[in-house]
Structures are given as C-alpha cells and as structure tokens.
Amino acid sequence: MGGPAGVEGQGLGRRRFVAAAVAGASLAAPRPLRTLMAADRPWIPDAAFLADLPRLMDMASVPGLAVSVVHDGAVHWTHAIGVTNATTGGAVTADTVFPAASLGKPVFAAVVLGLARAGRLALDRPLVEYVRPADLPVDPRLDRITARHVLSHTTGLRNWRNRVDQPLAPDFDPGQRFQYSGEGFYWLQRVVEQVTGQAVDRVMHDRLFAPLGLARATYAWSREHAEWTTFGHTNRGAVGTQFTRDLGAKLLPIAEKWAKPMRDWTVADTYRAVAEADSRLPQLPNVMVPNVAGSLLCTAPEYGRFLAAVLGGRPPLSGADRDEMLTPRVTLKPSLSWGLGWGLERRPGGSLFWHWGDNGIFRAFTVGEVATGRALVIFTNAESGPKVYQRLVRAATGLELDALLWV
C-alpha cells in the first residue's frame, strides 16, 4: 500500500456521525469536476474533495465508506472514513469488512475462467450436463444455457425468484440479449462444486483468496466476520435489517453442531441448514449463504488486490483470462457492453471495466482501466451510498461515466 489509510469519524448521531470526522469540513465549498486527468496519475481525489467528503456523506446519510486505489500493479492508496454503526459507533478502517454484494460476481468469474483454462469445465458446454437442479422445469432453452451465458448475463433467466412456485425458466433464448441474473450464477456455483468436489467458498479460498492474500474475504460467514463486518443503513442513516448477519447468527450454531465451517458448505448443506434454522425462509437461492452472486465479504484493500491481478493479468489469473473477461459479448447501450463477469464502457482512446454492488443497505462500485493500470473500488454501508460514490468516482477519475447513468 502506497500510504496509510485515512480513518476518520467516531459514531455519533445520524446528523453528526461524519461531521465529527474532519473539523470544519462542513464549510468546504463544493469542488468543480475535473474533465481531464493525466494518464500516469493515480485515481486519487484531491485534498479539497477529501476535506469535503464528510459533508457529502452527512448530507446523503452515508455513515461509513472505504475506497482503495490501484496503481502500478498494487494497492496504492486506501481511505476509510466514518462509522460502522450509526447508533453505536466504531470507526471504519482499512480492515473493516464490507458486504461487496454483486462485486463478488467478477471475482467468481475469474475462478471459473481459471477452471476452464485447467480443463475442469467448458465455457460452452450446457450446464445441465454437469448439474440439473431439481427445480428446473421442462424447457429446451434451459438445456442450452452455458457458463459463457451465465458470465455475460445472457441466460434469459431473471435475477431472482421470490416464491417457490415461480419456475426457473428463461424469458428468451440463451444468448439473445442481456438480462442480469443472479439465478444463473447460483446454478454455475453448483457446477463448480460438482467439477471440483469442493464447496464453492473453499474453491474460492484455495484458488484466489489465499494466493492473493485476501485473509478476510469469504462468501460465507463466521464469528470473526460478525466482529469485522460493518452494519448497513437505510437511506435515512438508520441501522437497517442485516439479512446476512441475522441469517449467519442462525446458521453458525448448525455449523458448530456439524463441526463443519460454513466455508465448507455445499449448496446442499446450505439448503439443509437454512431449513433447519428457519423453516419460514423459502428454499430459494436468494436467501442462501454462501452465494457467489451476492454474499462476498471483504475489505477495500483486498478487493483492490483482486483488481490489481485483473489489470496485470497475473496469477491466479492469466492474461488470457483477463482478455476473456474484458471482450464485449453483448451490447447494453451504444457505449456499454458486457464481457465475462464485467461491464465494459467504450471511451475515446480506450475502454473501462466496471461493476456495481447493491444489497439494499450496502452499495459499492468499482472501475478499472487496463491501458493505464488504474482502478478503484468504493464500499459504502448505506442504501444511499451511490449519491456519494458517484461524486467520488468523478473526483478521482475526472470522468463522467456512462456506466453510472445506466446502473
């Protein structure tokens, strides 16, 4: 890391939790947007914007935030500010774990591509030839869905089912167009478990988290994560319903009874445990943890190290994996497309990759540029997080991203 994390704020009331972080910050004038930034300069906002950041967070009711900037192949800078809980306090630091929500999808995609490179699965082989979930209806379109369709969000499957009587059926032929789908990723999670013979979080740990030194990253839950992880907040700055934390508290006693950490739970284990822990919960993927589509937990610098591996195309990724991820597969808008795991934005002189995270009371965004080796990731612990991270992205990059209008 190129410099120490800036850690500010000591949880007070909703209107004071960030204002206390930097004395006098509420008096700072809004900063004009830079429209151009030197290609060799890290994506770090200037000092005036950082001085004004507590005011912006307070205005938007965002209690806490962490941002990491990647430059020259490493995490160059991290800034952590605010509190983990607007009611009880606790400073956000560089070691604070955030629910990364859908930012976990490209992380999983990187491991899938590595498995494909190793010959463990084929990106264009139908998923039903590996695993056919019991709740699949009879539909010939399902028999054609592949890992490539999943990673490019072209399966035709909807994002999530909310009732057990909703069939998992595509809305159109696979490959026809873009439609964001967590259900597809959860099906591919089953496939990864089938071809490796391991629980998905164990696969992720062995193939990516451990090699990159991501000690706190997981799609599961543990008693340590209950201590490390920030709370989420509504758009008014109040502590909201903590689904993963609350479900994790119910599941951990089962993990201890089984003498099997959640990191080693397969999809079948999770379904059985959730049914035992709370019979009121529907047996559906969107209430399951671990879940590669949305339950990633990590710190901002940890995600930054993953971004550095993507930018460099270096182990545990390869240059070929990176190129697969960043090749457009389906068009969203004239300037926007989707690759394998990443959103892509075409700009004069180059292109960017990006993704957003939205678990309701946790919001995140990441963007990178291979040509200059720059990237950043922003985690927030509030439903209103985009109001702040959009300004932070503009201040750091000097760019008006079409992706931020589309998300």
Protein backbone atom coordinates (compact mmCIF):
# COMPACT_ATOMS: atom_id res chain seq x y z
CA MET A 1 0.00 0.00 0.00
CA GLY A 2 1.41 3.35 -1.05
CA GLY A 3 0.29 5.28 2.03
CA PRO A 4 -1.61 4.95 5.30
CA ALA A 5 -5.37 4.72 5.31
CA GLY A 6 -7.18 7.87 6.32
CA VAL A 7 -9.50 6.81 9.15
CA GLU A 8 -11.97 9.39 10.37
CA GLY A 9 -15.19 9.56 12.39
CA GLN A 10 -16.35 8.18 15.73
CA GLY A 11 -20.10 7.37 15.54
CA LEU A 12 -22.38 9.97 16.99
CA GLY A 13 -25.96 10.80 15.95
CA ARG A 14 -27.13 10.48 12.34
CA ARG A 15 -26.56 14.16 11.57
CA ARG A 16 -23.15 14.19 13.35
CA PHE A 17 -21.52 10.83 12.59
CA VAL A 18 -19.41 12.13 9.72
CA ALA A 19 -19.26 15.83 10.53
CA ALA A 20 -17.16 14.97 13.58
CA ALA A 21 -14.58 13.30 11.36
CA VAL A 22 -12.90 16.42 9.99
CA ALA A 23 -13.17 19.69 11.85
CA GLY A 24 -14.64 22.41 9.72
CA ALA A 25 -15.31 20.15 6.73
CA SER A 26 -18.93 21.31 6.51
CA LEU A 27 -17.67 24.74 5.48
CA ALA A 28 -15.75 23.45 2.46
CA ALA A 29 -17.14 24.63 -0.88
CA PRO A 30 -18.16 22.01 -3.47
CA ARG A 31 -15.34 21.24 -5.88
CA PRO A 32 -15.60 21.70 -9.65
CA LEU A 33 -15.31 18.50 -11.68
CA ARG A 34 -12.01 17.86 -13.42
CA THR A 35 -12.61 16.86 -17.01
CA LEU A 36 -9.11 15.60 -17.72
CA MET A 37 -6.56 13.69 -15.68
CA ALA A 38 -3.02 12.72 -16.63
CA ALA A 39 -2.79 9.09 -17.70
CA ASP A 40 0.05 8.40 -15.27
CA ARG A 41 -1.67 9.85 -12.21
CA PRO A 42 -3.35 7.56 -9.66
CA TRP A 43 -7.12 7.88 -9.34
CA ILE A 44 -6.98 9.72 -6.01
CA PRO A 45 -9.30 12.68 -5.32
CA ASP A 46 -7.56 15.91 -4.39
CA ALA A 47 -7.24 17.12 -0.81
CA ALA A 48 -10.07 19.64 -1.14
CA PHE A 49 -12.53 16.92 -2.20
CA LEU A 50 -11.43 14.67 0.65
CA ALA A 51 -11.91 17.55 3.09
CA ASP A 52 -15.45 17.96 1.76
CA LEU A 53 -16.22 14.23 1.79
CA PRO A 54 -17.55 14.14 5.39
CA ARG A 55 -20.08 16.84 4.47
CA LEU A 56 -21.22 14.90 1.40
CA MET A 57 -21.61 11.73 3.45
CA ASP A 58 -23.58 13.56 6.12
CA MET A 59 -25.87 15.14 3.52
CA ALA A 60 -26.52 11.75 1.93
CA SER A 61 -26.83 9.86 5.24
CA VAL A 62 -23.92 7.54 4.50
CA PRO A 63 -22.30 6.63 7.84
CA GLY A 64 -19.18 4.89 6.52
CA LEU A 65 -17.10 4.42 3.40
CA ALA A 66 -13.84 2.83 2.29
CA VAL A 67 -12.07 3.34 -1.03
CA SER A 68 -8.92 1.71 -2.39
CA VAL A 69 -7.00 2.89 -5.44
CA VAL A 70 -4.85 0.60 -7.58
CA HIS A 71 -1.87 1.98 -9.49
CA ASP A 72 1.32 0.46 -10.91
CA GLY A 73 0.23 -3.09 -10.09
CA ALA A 74 -0.62 -2.65 -6.41
CA VAL A 75 -3.00 -1.05 -3.95
CA HIS A 76 -1.55 2.45 -3.90
CA TRP A 77 -3.89 4.27 -1.51
CA THR A 78 -6.78 3.50 0.84
CA HIS A 79 -9.08 5.95 2.56
CA ALA A 80 -11.53 4.83 5.25
CA ILE A 81 -13.93 7.26 6.88
CA GLY A 82 -16.98 7.31 9.13
CA VAL A 83 -18.51 4.67 11.37
CA THR A 84 -19.57 1.05 11.08
CA ASN A 85 -22.77 1.62 13.05
CA ALA A 86 -24.54 4.98 13.23
CA THR A 87 -26.08 4.08 16.61
CA THR A 88 -23.15 2.54 18.47
CA GLY A 89 -20.17 3.96 16.58
CA GLY A 90 -16.95 2.16 15.73
CA ALA A 91 -14.56 3.68 13.21
CA VAL A 92 -14.39 2.37 9.66
CA THR A 93 -10.77 1.35 8.97
CA ALA A 94 -8.85 -0.25 6.13
CA ASP A 95 -9.53 -3.59 7.85
CA THR A 96 -13.31 -3.14 8.01
CA VAL A 97 -15.14 -5.86 6.09
CA PHE A 98 -17.94 -4.73 3.78
CA PRO A 99 -20.59 -6.84 2.05
CA ALA A 100 -19.45 -6.47 -1.56
CA ALA A 101 -22.81 -7.62 -2.98
CA SER A 102 -22.58 -8.18 -6.74
CA LEU A 103 -18.92 -7.19 -6.84
CA GLY A 104 -18.48 -10.85 -5.94
CA LYS A 105 -19.64 -11.89 -9.41
CA PRO A 106 -16.46 -10.90 -11.33
CA VAL A 107 -14.37 -12.47 -8.53
CA PHE A 108 -16.20 -15.76 -9.08
CA ALA A 109 -15.94 -15.30 -12.85
CA ALA A 110 -12.15 -15.13 -12.57
CA VAL A 111 -12.05 -18.53 -10.85
CA VAL A 112 -14.47 -20.04 -13.38
CA LEU A 113 -12.16 -18.94 -16.19
CA GLY A 114 -9.22 -20.47 -14.37
CA LEU A 115 -11.09 -23.77 -14.08
CA ALA A 116 -11.89 -23.60 -17.79
CA ARG A 117 -8.21 -22.94 -18.59
CA ALA A 118 -7.33 -26.00 -16.49
CA GLY A 119 -9.82 -28.15 -18.41
CA ARG A 120 -12.11 -28.68 -15.40
CA LEU A 121 -15.16 -27.24 -17.17
CA ALA A 122 -16.02 -25.93 -20.64
CA LEU A 123 -17.48 -22.45 -21.05
CA ASP A 124 -19.72 -23.55 -23.94
CA ARG A 125 -20.93 -26.87 -22.55
CA PRO A 126 -24.56 -26.83 -21.33
CA LEU A 127 -24.79 -26.58 -17.55
CA VAL A 128 -27.38 -29.39 -17.44
CA GLU A 129 -24.60 -31.77 -18.49
CA TYR A 130 -22.89 -31.00 -15.18
CA VAL A 131 -25.81 -30.35 -12.80
CA ARG A 132 -29.54 -30.21 -13.39
CA PRO A 133 -31.19 -28.57 -10.35
CA ALA A 134 -34.31 -30.40 -9.21
CA ASP A 135 -36.47 -27.28 -9.59
CA LEU A 136 -35.79 -26.83 -13.31
CA PRO A 137 -38.95 -27.13 -15.42
CA VAL A 138 -39.05 -28.89 -18.76
CA ASP A 139 -37.90 -26.23 -21.23
CA PRO A 140 -35.49 -26.91 -24.13
CA ARG A 141 -33.99 -23.44 -23.72
CA LEU A 142 -32.62 -24.46 -20.31
CA ASP A 143 -30.71 -27.28 -21.96
CA ARG A 144 -28.66 -24.74 -23.96
CA ILE A 145 -27.54 -22.44 -21.14
CA THR A 146 -23.75 -22.42 -20.68
CA ALA A 147 -21.20 -20.86 -18.33
CA ARG A 148 -20.48 -18.26 -21.00
CA HIS A 149 -24.16 -17.28 -20.98
CA VAL A 150 -24.09 -17.01 -17.18
CA LEU A 151 -20.98 -14.82 -17.04
CA SER A 152 -22.32 -12.50 -19.76
CA HIS A 153 -25.85 -12.39 -18.29
CA THR A 154 -27.43 -13.78 -21.45
CA THR A 155 -29.08 -16.90 -19.97
CA GLY A 156 -32.57 -15.42 -20.22
CA LEU A 157 -33.10 -16.20 -16.52
CA ARG A 158 -34.45 -13.48 -14.27
CA ASN A 159 -32.41 -12.04 -11.43
CA TRP A 160 -34.07 -13.92 -8.56
CA ARG A 161 -37.22 -15.83 -7.81
CA ASN A 162 -39.07 -14.72 -4.68
CA ARG A 163 -41.55 -17.61 -4.41
CA VAL A 164 -41.01 -21.35 -4.56
CA ASP A 165 -43.86 -21.69 -7.08
CA GLN A 166 -42.02 -19.48 -9.61
CA PRO A 167 -40.40 -21.71 -12.24
CA LEU A 168 -36.75 -21.19 -13.08
CA ALA A 169 -37.41 -20.69 -16.78
CA PRO A 170 -35.75 -18.30 -19.25
CA ASP A 171 -37.61 -15.36 -20.75
CA PHE A 172 -35.86 -15.74 -24.11
CA ASP A 173 -33.39 -17.95 -25.96
CA PRO A 174 -29.93 -18.07 -24.35
CA GLY A 175 -27.50 -15.64 -25.96
CA GLN A 176 -30.24 -13.48 -27.46
CA ARG A 177 -29.76 -10.42 -25.24
CA PHE A 178 -28.67 -9.14 -21.82
CA GLN A 179 -30.72 -9.79 -18.69
CA TYR A 180 -29.00 -9.60 -15.32
CA SER A 181 -29.36 -12.86 -13.42
CA GLY A 182 -28.17 -13.96 -10.01
CA GLU A 183 -30.01 -17.26 -10.52
CA GLY A 184 -27.63 -18.11 -13.35
CA PHE A 185 -24.60 -17.53 -11.13
CA TYR A 186 -26.05 -19.74 -8.40
CA TRP A 187 -26.56 -22.54 -10.92
CA LEU A 188 -22.93 -22.12 -12.02
CA GLN A 189 -21.92 -22.27 -8.35
CA ARG A 190 -23.43 -25.77 -8.26
CA VAL A 191 -21.46 -26.67 -11.38
CA VAL A 192 -18.17 -25.51 -9.82
CA GLU A 193 -18.87 -27.62 -6.76
CA GLN A 194 -19.63 -30.60 -8.97
CA VAL A 195 -16.46 -30.40 -11.07
CA THR A 196 -14.12 -29.66 -8.14
CA GLY A 197 -15.72 -31.86 -5.49
CA GLN A 198 -15.44 -28.95 -3.04
CA ALA A 199 -17.70 -26.31 -1.52
CA VAL A 200 -17.56 -23.10 -3.53
CA ASP A 201 -16.07 -20.91 -0.79
CA ARG A 202 -13.30 -23.45 -0.30
CA VAL A 203 -12.65 -23.36 -4.04
CA MET A 204 -12.53 -19.55 -3.96
CA HIS A 205 -10.20 -19.58 -0.96
CA ASP A 206 -7.77 -22.08 -2.44
CA ARG A 207 -7.73 -20.68 -5.98
CA LEU A 208 -7.94 -16.91 -5.40
CA PHE A 209 -8.27 -15.60 -1.85
CA ALA A 210 -5.22 -17.37 -0.42
CA PRO A 211 -2.92 -16.74 -3.42
CA LEU A 212 -3.75 -13.01 -3.32
CA GLY A 213 -3.51 -12.79 0.47
CA LEU A 214 -7.19 -11.91 0.99
CA ALA A 215 -7.35 -13.13 4.58
CA ARG A 216 -10.84 -11.80 5.35
CA ALA A 217 -12.53 -12.49 2.01
CA THR A 218 -15.31 -15.07 2.02
CA TYR A 219 -18.76 -15.79 0.61
CA ALA A 220 -19.65 -17.47 3.90
CA TRP A 221 -20.00 -16.21 7.49
CA SER A 222 -18.10 -16.76 10.73
CA ARG A 223 -17.99 -15.43 14.26
CA GLU A 224 -14.94 -13.38 13.26
CA HIS A 225 -16.89 -11.79 10.41
CA ALA A 226 -19.61 -10.81 12.85
CA GLU A 227 -16.93 -8.67 14.56
CA TRP A 228 -15.19 -7.43 11.41
CA THR A 229 -18.19 -6.53 9.24
CA THR A 230 -19.86 -3.14 9.12
CA PHE A 231 -23.60 -2.73 9.63
CA GLY A 232 -25.80 -1.44 6.82
CA HIS A 233 -28.08 1.60 6.95
CA THR A 234 -31.24 2.86 5.28
CA ASN A 235 -31.33 5.96 3.10
CA ARG A 236 -32.10 7.97 6.24
CA GLY A 237 -28.97 6.75 8.02
CA ALA A 238 -30.71 4.34 10.42
CA VAL A 239 -29.37 0.84 11.02
CA GLY A 240 -31.37 -1.46 8.72
CA THR A 241 -32.23 -5.15 8.67
CA GLN A 242 -28.97 -7.10 8.47
CA PHE A 243 -30.02 -10.17 6.46
CA THR A 244 -26.66 -11.93 6.14
CA ARG A 245 -25.68 -11.12 9.72
CA ASP A 246 -29.04 -12.29 11.06
CA LEU A 247 -29.06 -15.45 8.93
CA GLY A 248 -25.44 -16.13 9.82
CA ALA A 249 -26.28 -15.96 13.53
CA LYS A 250 -28.86 -18.70 12.95
CA LEU A 251 -26.56 -20.84 10.83
CA LEU A 252 -23.39 -20.73 12.93
CA PRO A 253 -24.77 -22.98 15.70
CA ILE A 254 -25.59 -25.54 13.00
CA ALA A 255 -22.07 -25.26 11.60
CA GLU A 256 -20.72 -25.90 15.08
CA LYS A 257 -23.06 -28.83 15.64
CA TRP A 258 -21.95 -30.33 12.34
CA ALA A 259 -18.29 -29.47 13.07
CA LYS A 260 -18.23 -28.07 9.55
CA PRO A 261 -17.40 -24.37 8.97
CA MET A 262 -19.67 -22.54 6.54
CA ARG A 263 -16.66 -22.12 4.22
CA ASP A 264 -17.01 -25.87 3.57
CA TRP A 265 -20.77 -25.88 2.99
CA THR A 266 -22.01 -27.01 -0.39
CA VAL A 267 -25.29 -25.82 -1.86
CA ALA A 268 -26.93 -28.97 -0.47
CA ASP A 269 -25.52 -28.22 3.01
CA THR A 270 -26.83 -24.67 2.87
CA TYR A 271 -30.35 -25.70 1.86
CA ARG A 272 -30.45 -28.25 4.67
CA ALA A 273 -29.10 -25.79 7.24
CA VAL A 274 -31.47 -22.97 6.26
CA ALA A 275 -34.45 -25.32 6.51
CA GLU A 276 -33.29 -26.37 9.98
CA ALA A 277 -32.50 -22.83 11.14
CA ASP A 278 -35.69 -21.11 9.95
CA SER A 279 -38.47 -23.08 8.26
CA ARG A 280 -40.18 -19.81 7.33
CA LEU A 281 -37.48 -18.96 4.79
CA PRO A 282 -38.25 -20.11 1.24
CA GLN A 283 -35.90 -22.71 -0.22
CA LEU A 284 -34.59 -20.36 -2.90
CA PRO A 285 -31.08 -19.23 -3.91
CA ASN A 286 -31.54 -15.58 -2.97
CA VAL A 287 -31.79 -16.46 0.73
CA MET A 288 -28.77 -18.79 0.71
CA VAL A 289 -25.27 -18.10 2.05
CA PRO A 290 -22.67 -18.85 0.64
CA ASN A 291 -23.89 -17.36 -2.63
CA VAL A 292 -21.41 -16.27 -5.32
CA ALA A 293 -23.93 -13.84 -6.78
CA GLY A 294 -24.14 -11.63 -3.71
CA SER A 295 -22.60 -12.75 -0.40
CA LEU A 296 -18.92 -11.78 -0.84
CA LEU A 297 -17.38 -10.13 2.21
CA CYS A 298 -14.01 -8.39 2.04
CA THR A 299 -12.11 -5.20 2.80
CA ALA A 300 -11.49 -2.44 0.28
CA PRO A 301 -7.73 -3.15 0.02
CA GLU A 302 -8.48 -6.85 -0.51
CA TYR A 303 -10.74 -6.09 -3.43
CA GLY A 304 -8.05 -3.74 -4.67
CA ARG A 305 -5.58 -6.63 -4.77
CA PHE A 306 -8.03 -8.58 -6.89
CA LEU A 307 -8.32 -5.59 -9.25
CA ALA A 308 -4.53 -5.42 -9.49
CA ALA A 309 -4.48 -9.08 -10.58
CA VAL A 310 -7.13 -8.35 -13.23
CA LEU A 311 -5.25 -5.31 -14.53
CA GLY A 312 -1.98 -7.20 -14.73
CA GLY A 313 -3.42 -10.48 -15.98
CA ARG A 314 -1.22 -12.17 -13.39
CA PRO A 315 -1.65 -15.26 -11.15
CA PRO A 316 -4.01 -16.62 -10.16
CA LEU A 317 -5.45 -15.07 -13.34
CA SER A 318 -3.74 -15.15 -16.71
CA GLY A 319 -3.58 -12.61 -19.49
CA ALA A 320 -5.91 -14.84 -21.50
CA ASP A 321 -8.40 -14.92 -18.61
CA ARG A 322 -8.36 -11.14 -18.42
CA ASP A 323 -8.88 -10.82 -22.16
CA GLU A 324 -11.83 -13.25 -21.97
CA MET A 325 -13.36 -11.17 -19.19
CA LEU A 326 -12.91 -7.87 -21.00
CA THR A 327 -14.02 -8.86 -24.50
CA PRO A 328 -17.53 -7.49 -25.26
CA ARG A 329 -20.14 -10.25 -25.56
CA VAL A 330 -23.44 -8.40 -25.56
CA THR A 331 -24.41 -4.74 -26.10
CA LEU A 332 -26.25 -2.77 -23.42
CA LYS A 333 -26.13 0.74 -24.90
CA PRO A 334 -24.01 2.32 -27.67
CA SER A 335 -21.06 2.86 -25.30
CA LEU A 336 -21.77 -0.02 -22.89
CA SER A 337 -21.44 -3.78 -23.20
CA TRP A 338 -20.86 -6.83 -21.03
CA GLY A 339 -17.93 -9.21 -21.08
CA LEU A 340 -17.49 -12.31 -18.88
CA GLY A 341 -18.11 -11.02 -15.38
CA TRP A 342 -17.57 -7.31 -16.08
CA GLY A 343 -19.48 -4.39 -17.50
CA LEU A 344 -17.48 -2.55 -20.18
CA GLU A 345 -17.52 1.07 -21.31
CA ARG A 346 -16.00 2.21 -24.59
CA ARG A 347 -14.50 5.69 -24.50
CA PRO A 348 -12.40 7.78 -26.91
CA GLY A 349 -8.91 6.36 -26.76
CA GLY A 350 -9.71 3.31 -24.66
CA SER A 351 -12.16 1.38 -22.54
CA LEU A 352 -13.04 0.73 -18.91
CA PHE A 353 -14.35 -2.25 -16.96
CA TRP A 354 -16.79 -1.75 -14.11
CA HIS A 355 -19.37 -3.32 -11.81
CA TRP A 356 -21.76 -2.19 -9.12
CA GLY A 357 -22.94 -3.81 -5.88
CA ASP A 358 -26.40 -3.46 -4.39
CA ASN A 359 -27.52 -5.46 -1.37
CA GLY A 360 -30.03 -2.79 -0.36
CA ILE A 361 -28.32 -1.28 2.67
CA PHE A 362 -24.84 -1.88 1.23
CA ARG A 363 -23.79 -0.21 -2.04
CA ALA A 364 -20.49 -0.43 -3.90
CA PHE A 365 -18.85 0.43 -7.20
CA THR A 366 -15.61 -0.43 -8.96
CA VAL A 367 -13.99 0.71 -12.20
CA GLY A 368 -10.68 -0.02 -13.88
CA GLU A 369 -8.66 0.84 -16.97
CA VAL A 370 -6.22 -1.78 -18.26
CA ALA A 371 -4.37 0.62 -20.59
CA THR A 372 -3.15 2.77 -17.69
CA GLY A 373 -3.20 0.13 -14.94
CA ARG A 374 -5.57 2.17 -12.78
CA ALA A 375 -8.61 1.09 -10.81
CA LEU A 376 -10.60 1.94 -7.72
CA VAL A 377 -13.23 0.30 -5.55
CA ILE A 378 -15.65 2.06 -3.20
CA PHE A 379 -17.64 0.34 -0.46
CA THR A 380 -20.40 2.14 1.45
CA ASN A 381 -22.60 0.96 4.30
CA ALA A 382 -25.83 2.73 3.29
CA GLU A 383 -28.67 2.43 0.82
CA SER A 384 -27.88 5.98 -0.29
CA GLY A 385 -24.24 5.11 -1.00
CA PRO A 386 -24.45 5.87 -4.75
CA LYS A 387 -25.08 9.53 -4.02
CA VAL A 388 -21.57 9.71 -2.60
CA TYR A 389 -19.69 7.13 -4.64
CA GLN A 390 -20.80 8.75 -7.90
CA ARG A 391 -19.18 12.03 -6.86
CA LEU A 392 -16.12 10.23 -5.57
CA VAL A 393 -15.65 8.37 -8.87
CA ARG A 394 -15.90 11.63 -10.81
CA ALA A 395 -13.48 13.41 -8.48
CA ALA A 396 -10.96 10.57 -8.61
CA THR A 397 -11.03 9.78 -12.33
CA GLY A 398 -12.04 13.11 -13.86
CA LEU A 399 -14.53 11.17 -15.99
CA GLU A 400 -18.29 11.27 -16.48
CA LEU A 401 -19.02 7.54 -16.73
CA ASP A 402 -21.95 6.35 -18.81
CA ALA A 403 -21.99 3.28 -16.56
CA LEU A 404 -23.07 5.43 -13.60
CA LEU A 405 -26.09 6.63 -15.59
CA TRP A 406 -27.00 3.08 -16.62
CA VAL A 407 -26.70 1.41 -13.19
